[in-house]
Protein backbone atom coordinates (compact mmCIF):
# COMPACT_ATOMS: atom_id res chain seq x y z
CA MET A 1 -7.00 5.14 -10.27
CA LYS A 2 -3.25 4.92 -9.75
CA LYS A 3 -1.12 2.75 -7.48
CA VAL A 4 0.90 4.82 -5.02
CA PHE A 5 2.21 2.28 -2.53
CA THR A 6 2.84 -1.42 -2.04
CA ALA A 7 4.28 -3.43 0.84
CA PRO A 8 4.83 -7.09 1.66
CA GLU A 9 2.26 -6.94 4.47
CA VAL A 10 -1.14 -5.30 4.79
CA ILE A 11 -0.29 -3.73 8.17
CA THR A 12 2.07 -1.25 6.52
CA CYS A 13 -0.59 -0.41 3.93
CA ASP A 14 -3.09 0.13 6.73
CA LEU A 15 -0.69 2.56 8.40
CA VAL A 16 -0.16 4.50 5.17
CA GLY A 17 -3.94 4.49 4.79
CA VAL A 18 -4.29 6.23 8.16
CA PHE A 19 -2.08 9.06 6.91
CA LEU A 20 -3.92 9.24 3.58
CA LYS A 21 -7.30 9.35 5.32
CA GLY A 22 -6.02 12.05 7.67
CA SER A 23 -5.10 14.10 4.60
CA GLY A 24 -8.57 13.68 3.13
CA ILE A 25 -7.41 11.28 0.41
CA GLU A 26 -9.70 8.44 -0.60
CA PHE A 27 -7.94 5.14 -1.26
CA PHE A 28 -8.48 1.46 -1.91
CA ILE A 29 -6.25 -1.38 -0.69
CA LYS A 30 -5.98 -4.03 -3.40
CA ASN A 31 -4.70 -7.55 -2.56
CA ALA A 32 -5.33 -7.08 1.16
CA GLN A 33 -5.59 -10.87 1.42
CA GLY A 34 -3.35 -11.58 -1.57
CA SER A 35 -0.46 -13.41 0.02
CA GLY A 36 -2.78 -15.62 2.06
CA LEU A 37 -4.90 -16.46 -0.97
CA ALA A 38 -1.77 -17.39 -2.90
CA GLY A 39 -1.35 -20.33 -0.54
CA GLU A 40 2.25 -19.41 0.08
CA GLY A 41 1.86 -17.79 3.47
CA LEU A 42 3.05 -14.28 4.15
CA PRO A 43 5.97 -13.02 2.10
CA ILE A 44 9.23 -12.45 3.93
CA LEU A 45 10.05 -8.77 4.26
CA GLY A 46 12.25 -7.78 1.35
CA SER A 47 11.59 -11.04 -0.52
CA PRO A 48 10.45 -10.65 -4.13
CA ASN A 49 8.83 -14.12 -4.18
CA LEU A 50 5.23 -12.96 -3.96
CA VAL A 51 5.43 -9.38 -5.18
CA TRP A 52 2.38 -9.98 -7.39
CA ALA A 53 0.34 -10.73 -4.24
CA TRP A 54 1.52 -7.82 -2.09
CA PRO A 55 -1.12 -5.36 -0.89
CA GLU A 56 -1.29 -2.14 -2.91
CA ILE A 57 -2.79 1.28 -2.21
CA TRP A 58 -4.64 2.90 -5.09
CA VAL A 59 -5.97 6.46 -5.19
CA ASN A 60 -8.12 8.50 -7.56
CA ASP A 61 -6.21 10.29 -10.31
CA ASP A 62 -7.23 13.73 -9.04
CA GLN A 63 -5.65 13.03 -5.62
CA LEU A 64 -2.50 11.36 -6.93
CA ASP A 65 -0.13 14.28 -6.34
CA ASP A 66 -1.28 14.72 -2.74
CA ALA A 67 -1.05 10.97 -2.12
CA ILE A 68 2.50 10.86 -3.46
CA VAL A 69 3.51 13.54 -0.95
CA VAL A 70 1.95 11.55 1.92
CA VAL A 71 3.70 8.34 0.82
CA GLU A 72 7.04 10.12 0.40
CA ASN A 73 6.72 11.57 3.90
CA PHE A 74 5.88 8.11 5.25
CA ASN A 75 8.90 6.57 3.52
CA SER A 76 11.25 9.30 4.74
CA ASP A 77 10.15 8.75 8.36
CA LYS A 78 11.14 5.07 8.37
């Protein structure tokens, strides 16, 4: 599995997950509760303080290229 996306909040990962699922890409969100479990509260958008606890989206190696395209499209639409 490879990491294709990370964000300071799980909501953004959930949104990217909707696009991945719509493209037939299986994924796993790691650290979905990470910032809360760290006891530090939610990280401030753009703050590097809790980067290690940010939610991450991981995909299977064989779907990596397709997932990268979905993530790039998501990032370009911001």
